[in-house]
Amino acid sequence: MENERSISPPIKPYIKEPIKPFIPPRPPRPSRPVTYIPRVEKGVRDYCKLLGLAREPFSMAPEPDFFFQSKQHRECLNRLEISLRLNRGLHVVVGGIGTGKTAISRLLLDRFTDNSADYTFFLILNPTWRNNQEFLMHLKKMFDIRDESNLITDMMNQIEHFLIDYTTKYNKRIVMIIDEGQKMGPNQLEIIRSLLNFETNSMKLIQFSIFAQPEFLDTLKTMENFKDRITYMFNISNIDNEDTSGLIDHRLKIAGLPQERELFTENAKNLIYKYTKGFPRKIIVTCHNLLIEMLITGQSKVDADLVFKFTQQNNLVYE
């Protein structure tokens, strides 16, 4: 037995196991702090709901149904529509900033869109061309004229042929509405005057309605030939006290204010007119700010005292 070899158990081969990368434990996610939102701050953000309104009453967007047609706005719109339907050619509406020119142009579009399929409107919002070539190239793009020549004489001929074809083939009348018309120079107005010469025996092939600020009148003084072509011109001014009150009431009604509720007292409306001097845009901005102020101070309506304090805090002066 002593000579017998002891048999050892077999040795297992060493196999190196892959090292697992160390991944640190994810720290516990901190609980999100609960931020207390004061009721007034929440009410400012959701004031439509607090006031029982379905829509924002004093938005700056040019929504046609919110536009209040004052006496002069109604007259301007009606006369402008008649003149366009009679194919008179060139129309100019002049008014200061915030007097409602853009709103009138949108209402005009709505009237023709709803009732007149034989009119096609093109809208230019920012007529800032460096020269006549850029102006005509812009018109070519609007009319989808694909001729490659960009010489001024060629482009005028291209546009004339387009207007003739469009009028005769589709029996439609083309109206070009230009907003911010005071940005145009004498050269562009001369192009418009030339385009107005394009006509058949019975009608003009294109009409223009220009909406501009008062400085446009200074340009017209130097252009008698263009001025003589204007068949309808209207100067929009600020609205009176009665229409200021009507504007506020109209917007609140469209926004869904119940008839039995009052958000602006009559004395408050009088002070708003006194401060804004009847400029529609300024009325809208002021009323919006006053509603916010009403919610912050916890009042149920905008009264004369709130209007007075608000204007004093913002260094606004009545004249």
C-alpha atoms as a PDB file:
ATOM      1  CA  MET A   1       0.000   0.000   0.000  1.00  0.00           C
ATOM      2  CA  GLU A   2       2.880   2.255   0.691  1.00  0.00           C
ATOM      3  CA  ASN A   3       4.083   1.831  -2.853  1.00  0.00           C
ATOM      4  CA  GLU A   4       0.761   2.690  -4.250  1.00  0.00           C
ATOM      5  CA  ARG A   5       0.532   6.187  -5.593  1.00  0.00           C
ATOM      6  CA  SER A   6      -2.045   8.375  -4.140  1.00  0.00           C
ATOM      7  CA  ILE A   7      -4.293   9.689  -6.813  1.00  0.00           C
ATOM      8  CA  SER A   8      -5.084  13.346  -6.472  1.00  0.00           C
ATOM      9  CA  PRO A   9      -8.306  14.774  -7.827  1.00  0.00           C
ATOM     10  CA  PRO A  10      -7.936  16.386 -11.261  1.00  0.00           C
ATOM     11  CA  ILE A  11      -7.128  20.053 -11.304  1.00  0.00           C
ATOM     12  CA  LYS A  12      -9.697  22.170 -12.983  1.00  0.00           C
ATOM     13  CA  PRO A  13      -8.343  24.587 -15.598  1.00  0.00           C
ATOM     14  CA  TYR A  14      -8.395  28.237 -14.592  1.00  0.00           C
ATOM     15  CA  ILE A  15     -10.870  30.230 -16.613  1.00  0.00           C
ATOM     16  CA  LYS A  16     -10.740  33.974 -16.191  1.00  0.00           C
ATOM     17  CA  GLU A  17     -14.195  35.404 -15.812  1.00  0.00           C
ATOM     18  CA  PRO A  18     -14.902  38.740 -17.482  1.00  0.00           C
ATOM     19  CA  ILE A  19     -14.768  41.674 -15.162  1.00  0.00           C
ATOM     20  CA  LYS A  20     -18.129  43.246 -14.765  1.00  0.00           C
ATOM     21  CA  PRO A  21     -18.041  47.025 -14.954  1.00  0.00           C
ATOM     22  CA  PHE A  22     -18.867  48.807 -11.783  1.00  0.00           C
ATOM     23  CA  ILE A  23     -22.124  50.644 -12.021  1.00  0.00           C
ATOM     24  CA  PRO A  24     -22.707  52.934  -9.108  1.00  0.00           C
ATOM     25  CA  PRO A  25     -26.171  52.763  -7.676  1.00  0.00           C
ATOM     26  CA  ARG A  26     -28.515  55.421  -8.942  1.00  0.00           C
ATOM     27  CA  PRO A  27     -29.119  57.995  -6.306  1.00  0.00           C
ATOM     28  CA  PRO A  28     -32.713  58.331  -5.246  1.00  0.00           C
ATOM     29  CA  ARG A  29     -34.619  60.811  -7.340  1.00  0.00           C
ATOM     30  CA  PRO A  30     -35.269  63.896  -5.294  1.00  0.00           C
ATOM     31  CA  SER A  31     -38.880  64.623  -4.806  1.00  0.00           C
ATOM     32  CA  ARG A  32     -40.067  67.549  -6.899  1.00  0.00           C
ATOM     33  CA  PRO A  33     -40.715  70.530  -4.710  1.00  0.00           C
ATOM     34  CA  VAL A  34     -44.309  71.534  -4.581  1.00  0.00           C
ATOM     35  CA  THR A  35     -44.551  75.136  -5.665  1.00  0.00           C
ATOM     36  CA  TYR A  36     -47.428  77.058  -4.207  1.00  0.00           C
ATOM     37  CA  ILE A  37     -49.149  79.078  -6.893  1.00  0.00           C
ATOM     38  CA  PRO A  38     -51.109  81.947  -5.415  1.00  0.00           C
ATOM     39  CA  ARG A  39     -54.715  82.047  -6.455  1.00  0.00           C
ATOM     40  CA  VAL A  40     -54.341  85.501  -7.971  1.00  0.00           C
ATOM     41  CA  GLU A  41     -51.373  84.433 -10.126  1.00  0.00           C
ATOM     42  CA  LYS A  42     -53.263  81.412 -11.333  1.00  0.00           C
ATOM     43  CA  GLY A  43     -56.262  83.602 -12.049  1.00  0.00           C
ATOM     44  CA  VAL A  44     -54.175  85.966 -14.167  1.00  0.00           C
ATOM     45  CA  ARG A  45     -53.066  83.075 -16.346  1.00  0.00           C
ATOM     46  CA  ASP A  46     -56.556  81.727 -16.669  1.00  0.00           C
ATOM     47  CA  TYR A  47     -58.570  84.885 -16.387  1.00  0.00           C
ATOM     48  CA  CYS A  48     -60.983  83.954 -19.163  1.00  0.00           C
ATOM     49  CA  LYS A  49     -62.264  81.079 -17.057  1.00  0.00           C
ATOM     50  CA  LEU A  50     -62.450  83.179 -13.920  1.00  0.00           C
ATOM     51  CA  LEU A  51     -64.443  85.845 -15.722  1.00  0.00           C
ATOM     52  CA  GLY A  52     -66.799  83.304 -17.220  1.00  0.00           C
ATOM     53  CA  LEU A  53     -65.611  84.049 -20.760  1.00  0.00           C
ATOM     54  CA  ALA A  54     -65.170  81.582 -23.583  1.00  0.00           C
ATOM     55  CA  ARG A  55     -62.477  83.584 -25.379  1.00  0.00           C
ATOM     56  CA  GLU A  56     -59.952  86.292 -24.710  1.00  0.00           C
ATOM     57  CA  PRO A  57     -61.869  89.554 -25.218  1.00  0.00           C
ATOM     58  CA  PHE A  58     -58.988  91.912 -25.895  1.00  0.00           C
ATOM     59  CA  SER A  59     -56.635  89.899 -28.077  1.00  0.00           C
ATOM     60  CA  MET A  60     -54.411  91.782 -30.526  1.00  0.00           C
ATOM     61  CA  ALA A  61     -55.067  89.250 -33.288  1.00  0.00           C
ATOM     62  CA  PRO A  62     -57.124  90.738 -36.174  1.00  0.00           C
ATOM     63  CA  GLU A  63     -60.130  88.470 -35.635  1.00  0.00           C
ATOM     64  CA  PRO A  64     -62.985  89.797 -37.812  1.00  0.00           C
ATOM     65  CA  ASP A  65     -65.794  88.853 -35.428  1.00  0.00           C
ATOM     66  CA  PHE A  66     -64.182  90.898 -32.639  1.00  0.00           C
ATOM     67  CA  PHE A  67     -63.880  93.988 -34.821  1.00  0.00           C
ATOM     68  CA  PHE A  68     -66.307  96.682 -33.756  1.00  0.00           C
ATOM     69  CA  GLN A  69     -67.638  98.629 -36.696  1.00  0.00           C
ATOM     70  CA  SER A  70     -67.796 102.191 -35.485  1.00  0.00           C
ATOM     71  CA  LYS A  71     -69.673 104.757 -37.541  1.00  0.00           C
ATOM     72  CA  GLN A  72     -66.618 105.729 -39.587  1.00  0.00           C
ATOM     73  CA  HIS A  73     -65.322 102.155 -39.953  1.00  0.00           C
ATOM     74  CA  ARG A  74     -68.713 101.033 -41.230  1.00  0.00           C
ATOM     75  CA  GLU A  75     -68.845 103.897 -43.723  1.00  0.00           C
ATOM     76  CA  CYS A  76     -65.312 103.218 -44.938  1.00  0.00           C
ATOM     77  CA  LEU A  77     -65.955  99.499 -45.390  1.00  0.00           C
ATOM     78  CA  ASN A  78     -69.264  99.952 -47.198  1.00  0.00           C
ATOM     79  CA  ARG A  79     -67.968 102.617 -49.576  1.00  0.00           C
ATOM     80  CA  LEU A  80     -64.822 100.621 -50.283  1.00  0.00           C
ATOM     81  CA  GLU A  81     -66.833  97.518 -51.144  1.00  0.00           C
ATOM     82  CA  ILE A  82     -69.111  99.486 -53.490  1.00  0.00           C
ATOM     83  CA  SER A  83     -66.161 101.090 -55.246  1.00  0.00           C
ATOM     84  CA  LEU A  84     -64.471  97.712 -55.784  1.00  0.00           C
ATOM     85  CA  ARG A  85     -67.638  96.131 -57.125  1.00  0.00           C
ATOM     86  CA  LEU A  86     -67.996  99.037 -59.535  1.00  0.00           C
ATOM     87  CA  ASN A  87     -64.437  98.343 -60.684  1.00  0.00           C
ATOM     88  CA  ARG A  88     -63.221 101.891 -60.018  1.00  0.00           C
ATOM     89  CA  GLY A  89     -59.528 100.997 -59.920  1.00  0.00           C
ATOM     90  CA  LEU A  90     -57.505 102.697 -57.164  1.00  0.00           C
ATOM     91  CA  HIS A  91     -58.563 103.104 -53.536  1.00  0.00           C
ATOM     92  CA  VAL A  92     -56.593 104.551 -50.622  1.00  0.00           C
ATOM     93  CA  VAL A  93     -57.407 104.313 -46.902  1.00  0.00           C
ATOM     94  CA  VAL A  94     -55.232 106.436 -44.596  1.00  0.00           C
ATOM     95  CA  GLY A  95     -55.116 106.257 -40.808  1.00  0.00           C
ATOM     96  CA  GLY A  96     -52.735 106.476 -37.885  1.00  0.00           C
ATOM     97  CA  ILE A  97     -51.262 103.536 -35.995  1.00  0.00           C
ATOM     98  CA  GLY A  98     -53.950 101.510 -34.285  1.00  0.00           C
ATOM     99  CA  THR A  99     -56.967 103.058 -36.004  1.00  0.00           C
ATOM    100  CA  GLY A 100     -58.217  99.787 -37.542  1.00  0.00           C
ATOM    101  CA  LYS A 101     -56.876  99.825 -41.120  1.00  0.00           C
ATOM    102  CA  THR A 102     -55.718  96.210 -41.066  1.00  0.00           C
ATOM    103  CA  ALA A 103     -59.005  95.057 -39.542  1.00  0.00           C
ATOM    104  CA  ILE A 104     -60.943  96.789 -42.327  1.00  0.00           C
ATOM    105  CA  SER A 105     -58.837  95.072 -44.983  1.00  0.00           C
ATOM    106  CA  ARG A 106     -59.563  91.660 -43.410  1.00  0.00           C
ATOM    107  CA  LEU A 107     -63.279  92.379 -43.176  1.00  0.00           C
ATOM    108  CA  LEU A 108     -63.236  93.443 -46.794  1.00  0.00           C
ATOM    109  CA  LEU A 109     -61.689  90.105 -47.748  1.00  0.00           C
ATOM    110  CA  ASP A 110     -64.334  88.272 -45.750  1.00  0.00           C
ATOM    111  CA  ARG A 111     -67.177  90.093 -47.500  1.00  0.00           C
ATOM    112  CA  PHE A 112     -65.915  89.160 -50.946  1.00  0.00           C
ATOM    113  CA  THR A 113     -64.899  85.633 -49.960  1.00  0.00           C
ATOM    114  CA  ASP A 114     -68.365  84.873 -48.632  1.00  0.00           C
ATOM    115  CA  ASN A 115     -70.403  86.493 -51.387  1.00  0.00           C
ATOM    116  CA  SER A 116     -68.314  86.858 -54.535  1.00  0.00           C
ATOM    117  CA  ALA A 117     -66.659  83.914 -56.240  1.00  0.00           C
ATOM    118  CA  ASP A 118     -65.748  86.051 -59.249  1.00  0.00           C
ATOM    119  CA  TYR A 119     -63.077  88.038 -57.357  1.00  0.00           C
ATOM    120  CA  THR A 120     -59.510  86.990 -56.602  1.00  0.00           C
ATOM    121  CA  PHE A 121     -57.593  88.886 -53.930  1.00  0.00           C
ATOM    122  CA  PHE A 122     -53.842  89.135 -53.454  1.00  0.00           C
ATOM    123  CA  LEU A 123     -52.435  90.523 -50.207  1.00  0.00           C
ATOM    124  CA  ILE A 124     -49.120  92.347 -49.713  1.00  0.00           C
ATOM    125  CA  LEU A 125     -48.300  93.004 -46.059  1.00  0.00           C
ATOM    126  CA  ASN A 126     -44.825  94.527 -46.198  1.00  0.00           C
ATOM    127  CA  PRO A 127     -44.095  96.409 -49.462  1.00  0.00           C
ATOM    128  CA  THR A 128     -40.395  97.032 -48.899  1.00  0.00           C
ATOM    129  CA  TRP A 129     -38.827  96.545 -52.301  1.00  0.00           C
ATOM    130  CA  ARG A 130     -35.486  98.143 -53.110  1.00  0.00           C
ATOM    131  CA  ASN A 131     -36.405  98.892 -56.717  1.00  0.00           C
ATOM    132  CA  ASN A 132     -39.020  98.345 -59.407  1.00  0.00           C
ATOM    133  CA  GLN A 133     -37.437  95.119 -60.561  1.00  0.00           C
ATOM    134  CA  GLU A 134     -37.924  93.537 -57.142  1.00  0.00           C
ATOM    135  CA  PHE A 135     -41.524  94.786 -57.073  1.00  0.00           C
ATOM    136  CA  LEU A 136     -42.348  93.253 -60.450  1.00  0.00           C
ATOM    137  CA  MET A 137     -40.558  90.012 -59.597  1.00  0.00           C
ATOM    138  CA  HIS A 138     -42.694  89.819 -56.461  1.00  0.00           C
ATOM    139  CA  LEU A 139     -45.856  90.261 -58.543  1.00  0.00           C
ATOM    140  CA  LYS A 140     -44.669  87.578 -60.972  1.00  0.00           C
ATOM    141  CA  LYS A 141     -44.233  85.165 -58.078  1.00  0.00           C
ATOM    142  CA  MET A 142     -47.692  85.962 -56.698  1.00  0.00           C
ATOM    143  CA  PHE A 143     -49.262  85.433 -60.122  1.00  0.00           C
ATOM    144  CA  ASP A 144     -47.180  82.272 -60.713  1.00  0.00           C
ATOM    145  CA  ILE A 145     -45.704  83.691 -63.934  1.00  0.00           C
ATOM    146  CA  ARG A 146     -42.772  81.432 -64.861  1.00  0.00           C
ATOM    147  CA  ASP A 147     -41.190  83.363 -67.696  1.00  0.00           C
ATOM    148  CA  GLU A 148     -37.459  83.662 -66.960  1.00  0.00           C
ATOM    149  CA  SER A 149     -36.879  87.186 -68.266  1.00  0.00           C
ATOM    150  CA  ASN A 150     -36.631  89.744 -65.473  1.00  0.00           C
ATOM    151  CA  LEU A 151     -36.223  92.853 -67.575  1.00  0.00           C
ATOM    152  CA  ILE A 152     -38.707  95.479 -66.445  1.00  0.00           C
ATOM    153  CA  THR A 153     -40.304  95.899 -69.876  1.00  0.00           C
ATOM    154  CA  ASP A 154     -40.593  92.141 -70.299  1.00  0.00           C
ATOM    155  CA  MET A 155     -42.120  91.685 -66.863  1.00  0.00           C
ATOM    156  CA  MET A 156     -44.705  94.389 -67.516  1.00  0.00           C
ATOM    157  CA  ASN A 157     -45.720  92.562 -70.713  1.00  0.00           C
ATOM    158  CA  GLN A 158     -45.828  89.229 -68.869  1.00  0.00           C
ATOM    159  CA  ILE A 159     -48.101  90.650 -66.200  1.00  0.00           C
ATOM    160  CA  GLU A 160     -50.373  92.275 -68.774  1.00  0.00           C
ATOM    161  CA  HIS A 161     -50.766  88.991 -70.672  1.00  0.00           C
ATOM    162  CA  PHE A 162     -51.459  87.163 -67.422  1.00  0.00           C
ATOM    163  CA  LEU A 163     -54.167  89.656 -66.440  1.00  0.00           C
ATOM    164  CA  ILE A 164     -55.833  89.411 -69.845  1.00  0.00           C
ATOM    165  CA  ASP A 165     -55.787  85.601 -69.822  1.00  0.00           C
ATOM    166  CA  TYR A 166     -56.974  85.348 -66.228  1.00  0.00           C
ATOM    167  CA  THR A 167     -59.827  87.774 -66.770  1.00  0.00           C
ATOM    168  CA  THR A 168     -61.070  86.312 -70.034  1.00  0.00           C
ATOM    169  CA  LYS A 169     -60.577  82.613 -69.256  1.00  0.00           C
ATOM    170  CA  TYR A 170     -61.806  82.528 -65.670  1.00  0.00           C
ATOM    171  CA  ASN A 171     -64.058  85.600 -65.708  1.00  0.00           C
ATOM    172  CA  LYS A 172     -62.514  86.826 -62.452  1.00  0.00           C
ATOM    173  CA  ARG A 173     -61.527  90.270 -61.274  1.00  0.00           C
ATOM    174  CA  ILE A 174     -58.182  90.720 -59.542  1.00  0.00           C
ATOM    175  CA  VAL A 175     -57.807  92.981 -56.502  1.00  0.00           C
ATOM    176  CA  MET A 176     -54.436  93.725 -54.902  1.00  0.00           C
ATOM    177  CA  ILE A 177     -54.575  94.812 -51.238  1.00  0.00           C
ATOM    178  CA  ILE A 178     -51.404  96.515 -49.996  1.00  0.00           C
ATOM    179  CA  ASP A 179     -50.973  97.102 -46.270  1.00  0.00           C
ATOM    180  CA  GLU A 180     -48.352  99.520 -44.859  1.00  0.00           C
ATOM    181  CA  GLY A 181     -48.530 101.447 -48.120  1.00  0.00           C
ATOM    182  CA  GLN A 182     -46.449 104.314 -46.693  1.00  0.00           C
ATOM    183  CA  LYS A 183     -43.378 102.085 -47.145  1.00  0.00           C
ATOM    184  CA  MET A 184     -43.642 102.350 -50.933  1.00  0.00           C
ATOM    185  CA  GLY A 185     -41.669 104.966 -52.788  1.00  0.00           C
ATOM    186  CA  PRO A 186     -42.605 107.029 -55.848  1.00  0.00           C
ATOM    187  CA  ASN A 187     -41.093 104.450 -58.204  1.00  0.00           C
ATOM    188  CA  GLN A 188     -43.362 101.649 -56.971  1.00  0.00           C
ATOM    189  CA  LEU A 189     -46.398 103.930 -57.123  1.00  0.00           C
ATOM    190  CA  GLU A 190     -45.534 104.716 -60.712  1.00  0.00           C
ATOM    191  CA  ILE A 191     -45.547 100.984 -61.469  1.00  0.00           C
ATOM    192  CA  ILE A 192     -49.020 100.722 -59.906  1.00  0.00           C
ATOM    193  CA  ARG A 193     -50.178 103.653 -62.036  1.00  0.00           C
ATOM    194  CA  SER A 194     -48.912 101.849 -65.139  1.00  0.00           C
ATOM    195  CA  LEU A 195     -50.637  98.602 -64.156  1.00  0.00           C
ATOM    196  CA  LEU A 196     -53.914 100.482 -63.811  1.00  0.00           C
ATOM    197  CA  ASN A 197     -53.659 101.275 -67.515  1.00  0.00           C
ATOM    198  CA  PHE A 198     -54.221  97.591 -68.279  1.00  0.00           C
ATOM    199  CA  GLU A 199     -57.923  97.406 -69.108  1.00  0.00           C
ATOM    200  CA  THR A 200     -60.444  96.195 -71.615  1.00  0.00           C
ATOM    201  CA  ASN A 201     -63.192  98.294 -73.151  1.00  0.00           C
ATOM    202  CA  SER A 202     -65.461  97.486 -70.215  1.00  0.00           C
ATOM    203  CA  MET A 203     -63.281  96.918 -67.156  1.00  0.00           C
ATOM    204  CA  LYS A 204     -59.899  97.298 -65.522  1.00  0.00           C
ATOM    205  CA  LEU A 205     -57.800  94.162 -65.371  1.00  0.00           C
ATOM    206  CA  ILE A 206     -56.536  94.876 -61.865  1.00  0.00           C
ATOM    207  CA  GLN A 207     -57.581  97.058 -58.928  1.00  0.00           C
ATOM    208  CA  PHE A 208     -55.507  98.282 -55.991  1.00  0.00           C
ATOM    209  CA  SER A 209     -56.576  99.068 -52.420  1.00  0.00           C
ATOM    210  CA  ILE A 210     -53.785 100.707 -50.420  1.00  0.00           C
ATOM    211  CA  PHE A 211     -53.905 101.018 -46.624  1.00  0.00           C
ATOM    212  CA  ALA A 212     -51.314 103.456 -45.307  1.00  0.00           C
ATOM    213  CA  GLN A 213     -50.290 105.698 -42.450  1.00  0.00           C
ATOM    214  CA  PRO A 214     -50.637 109.516 -42.756  1.00  0.00           C
ATOM    215  CA  GLU A 215     -47.086 110.048 -44.077  1.00  0.00           C
ATOM    216  CA  PHE A 216     -48.294 108.444 -47.306  1.00  0.00           C
ATOM    217  CA  LEU A 217     -50.076 111.734 -47.993  1.00  0.00           C
ATOM    218  CA  ASP A 218     -46.712 113.493 -48.212  1.00  0.00           C
ATOM    219  CA  THR A 219     -45.686 111.118 -50.997  1.00  0.00           C
ATOM    220  CA  LEU A 220     -48.932 111.762 -52.849  1.00  0.00           C
ATOM    221  CA  LYS A 221     -48.283 115.523 -52.858  1.00  0.00           C
ATOM    222  CA  THR A 222     -45.353 114.970 -55.203  1.00  0.00           C
ATOM    223  CA  MET A 223     -47.242 112.601 -57.529  1.00  0.00           C
ATOM    224  CA  GLU A 224     -50.186 114.389 -59.110  1.00  0.00           C
ATOM    225  CA  ASN A 225     -50.542 111.792 -61.879  1.00  0.00           C
ATOM    226  CA  PHE A 226     -50.933 109.013 -59.328  1.00  0.00           C
ATOM    227  CA  LYS A 227     -53.152 111.114 -57.083  1.00  0.00           C
ATOM    228  CA  ASP A 228     -55.512 111.799 -59.987  1.00  0.00           C
ATOM    229  CA  ARG A 229     -56.057 108.043 -60.373  1.00  0.00           C
ATOM    230  CA  ILE A 230     -57.461 107.638 -56.855  1.00  0.00           C
ATOM    231  CA  THR A 231     -61.204 107.073 -57.174  1.00  0.00           C
ATOM    232  CA  TYR A 232     -61.946 106.539 -53.486  1.00  0.00           C
ATOM    233  CA  MET A 233     -60.029 107.886 -50.501  1.00  0.00           C
ATOM    234  CA  PHE A 234     -60.930 107.691 -46.824  1.00  0.00           C
ATOM    235  CA  ASN A 235     -59.153 109.081 -43.775  1.00  0.00           C
ATOM    236  CA  ILE A 236     -59.735 107.059 -40.586  1.00  0.00           C
ATOM    237  CA  SER A 237     -59.424 108.958 -37.329  1.00  0.00           C
ATOM    238  CA  ASN A 238     -59.883 107.932 -33.710  1.00  0.00           C
ATOM    239  CA  ILE A 239     -63.379 106.974 -32.530  1.00  0.00           C
ATOM    240  CA  ASP A 240     -65.609 108.970 -30.176  1.00  0.00           C
ATOM    241  CA  ASN A 241     -66.686 108.246 -26.594  1.00  0.00           C
ATOM    242  CA  GLU A 242     -69.858 106.441 -27.634  1.00  0.00           C
ATOM    243  CA  ASP A 243     -68.015 104.109 -29.988  1.00  0.00           C
ATOM    244  CA  THR A 244     -65.303 103.483 -27.390  1.00  0.00           C
ATOM    245  CA  SER A 245     -67.959 102.166 -25.028  1.00  0.00           C
ATOM    246  CA  GLY A 246     -69.496 100.191 -27.890  1.00  0.00           C
ATOM    247  CA  LEU A 247     -66.127  98.621 -28.767  1.00  0.00           C
ATOM    248  CA  ILE A 248     -65.590  97.415 -25.188  1.00  0.00           C
ATOM    249  CA  ASP A 249     -69.126  96.015 -24.899  1.00  0.00           C
ATOM    250  CA  HIS A 250     -68.945  94.326 -28.313  1.00  0.00           C
ATOM    251  CA  ARG A 251     -65.704  92.502 -27.540  1.00  0.00           C
ATOM    252  CA  LEU A 252     -66.959  91.295 -24.176  1.00  0.00           C
ATOM    253  CA  LYS A 253     -70.184  90.053 -25.761  1.00  0.00           C
ATOM    254  CA  ILE A 254     -68.318  88.109 -28.479  1.00  0.00           C
ATOM    255  CA  ALA A 255     -66.035  86.659 -25.788  1.00  0.00           C
ATOM    256  CA  GLY A 256     -69.107  85.229 -24.053  1.00  0.00           C
ATOM    257  CA  LEU A 257     -69.810  87.616 -21.185  1.00  0.00           C
ATOM    258  CA  PRO A 258     -73.313  86.957 -19.804  1.00  0.00           C
ATOM    259  CA  GLN A 259     -75.679  89.836 -20.436  1.00  0.00           C
ATOM    260  CA  GLU A 260     -76.433  90.326 -16.756  1.00  0.00           C
ATOM    261  CA  ARG A 261     -72.759  90.773 -15.794  1.00  0.00           C
ATOM    262  CA  GLU A 262     -70.826  94.033 -15.901  1.00  0.00           C
ATOM    263  CA  LEU A 263     -67.042  94.092 -16.090  1.00  0.00           C
ATOM    264  CA  PHE A 264     -66.543  97.779 -16.943  1.00  0.00           C
ATOM    265  CA  THR A 265     -68.629 100.519 -15.378  1.00  0.00           C
ATOM    266  CA  GLU A 266     -69.755 103.435 -17.545  1.00  0.00           C
ATOM    267  CA  ASN A 267     -67.476 105.825 -15.652  1.00  0.00           C
ATOM    268  CA  ALA A 268     -64.554 103.472 -16.266  1.00  0.00           C
ATOM    269  CA  LYS A 269     -65.299 103.470 -19.999  1.00  0.00           C
ATOM    270  CA  ASN A 270     -65.366 107.258 -20.010  1.00  0.00           C
ATOM    271  CA  LEU A 271     -61.935 107.407 -18.397  1.00  0.00           C
ATOM    272  CA  ILE A 272     -60.603 104.796 -20.844  1.00  0.00           C
ATOM    273  CA  TYR A 273     -61.752 106.982 -23.723  1.00  0.00           C
ATOM    274  CA  LYS A 274     -60.126 110.005 -22.108  1.00  0.00           C
ATOM    275  CA  TYR A 275     -56.811 108.213 -21.745  1.00  0.00           C
ATOM    276  CA  THR A 276     -56.748 106.406 -25.110  1.00  0.00           C
ATOM    277  CA  LYS A 277     -58.205 109.344 -27.067  1.00  0.00           C
ATOM    278  CA  GLY A 278     -60.307 106.825 -28.959  1.00  0.00           C
ATOM    279  CA  PHE A 279     -57.541 104.887 -30.723  1.00  0.00           C
ATOM    280  CA  PRO A 280     -58.903 101.319 -31.065  1.00  0.00           C
ATOM    281  CA  ARG A 281     -55.610  99.505 -30.537  1.00  0.00           C
ATOM    282  CA  LYS A 282     -54.845 101.544 -27.432  1.00  0.00           C
ATOM    283  CA  ILE A 283     -58.339 100.837 -26.086  1.00  0.00           C
ATOM    284  CA  ILE A 284     -57.808  97.100 -26.552  1.00  0.00           C
ATOM    285  CA  VAL A 285     -54.400  97.069 -24.841  1.00  0.00           C
ATOM    286  CA  THR A 286     -55.658  99.225 -21.954  1.00  0.00           C
ATOM    287  CA  CYS A 287     -58.731  97.067 -21.341  1.00  0.00           C
ATOM    288  CA  HIS A 288     -56.621  93.913 -21.291  1.00  0.00           C
ATOM    289  CA  ASN A 289     -54.261  95.412 -18.722  1.00  0.00           C
ATOM    290  CA  LEU A 290     -57.171  96.637 -16.617  1.00  0.00           C
ATOM    291  CA  LEU A 291     -58.700  93.150 -16.479  1.00  0.00           C
ATOM    292  CA  ILE A 292     -55.379  91.775 -15.244  1.00  0.00           C
ATOM    293  CA  GLU A 293     -55.207  94.565 -12.663  1.00  0.00           C
ATOM    294  CA  MET A 294     -58.760  93.789 -11.573  1.00  0.00           C
ATOM    295  CA  LEU A 295     -57.878  90.165 -10.884  1.00  0.00           C
ATOM    296  CA  ILE A 296     -54.677  91.034  -9.044  1.00  0.00           C
ATOM    297  CA  THR A 297     -56.464  93.478  -6.755  1.00  0.00           C
ATOM    298  CA  GLY A 298     -59.357  91.072  -6.191  1.00  0.00           C
ATOM    299  CA  GLN A 299     -62.081  93.326  -7.557  1.00  0.00           C
ATOM    300  CA  SER A 300     -65.175  92.075  -9.344  1.00  0.00           C
ATOM    301  CA  LYS A 301     -65.293  94.812 -11.998  1.00  0.00           C
ATOM    302  CA  VAL A 302     -63.245  97.613 -13.512  1.00  0.00           C
ATOM    303  CA  ASP A 303     -64.464 100.892 -12.063  1.00  0.00           C
ATOM    304  CA  ALA A 304     -63.288 104.474 -12.464  1.00  0.00           C
ATOM    305  CA  ASP A 305     -61.137 104.293  -9.341  1.00  0.00           C
ATOM    306  CA  LEU A 306     -59.228 101.282 -10.695  1.00  0.00           C
ATOM    307  CA  VAL A 307     -58.668 103.004 -14.041  1.00  0.00           C
ATOM    308  CA  PHE A 308     -57.407 106.148 -12.351  1.00  0.00           C
ATOM    309  CA  LYS A 309     -55.025 104.267 -10.035  1.00  0.00           C
ATOM    310  CA  PHE A 310     -53.731 102.141 -12.900  1.00  0.00           C
ATOM    311  CA  THR A 311     -52.960 105.153 -15.046  1.00  0.00           C
ATOM    312  CA  GLN A 312     -51.257 106.921 -12.140  1.00  0.00           C
ATOM    313  CA  GLN A 313     -49.070 103.901 -11.379  1.00  0.00           C
ATOM    314  CA  ASN A 314     -48.020 103.680 -15.028  1.00  0.00           C
ATOM    315  CA  ASN A 315     -47.397 107.433 -15.365  1.00  0.00           C
ATOM    316  CA  LEU A 316     -50.264 107.848 -17.787  1.00  0.00           C
ATOM    317  CA  VAL A 317     -51.639 111.340 -18.073  1.00  0.00           C
ATOM    318  CA  TYR A 318     -55.125 112.448 -19.054  1.00  0.00           C
ATOM    319  CA  GLU A 319     -55.459 115.413 -21.360  1.00  0.00           C
END
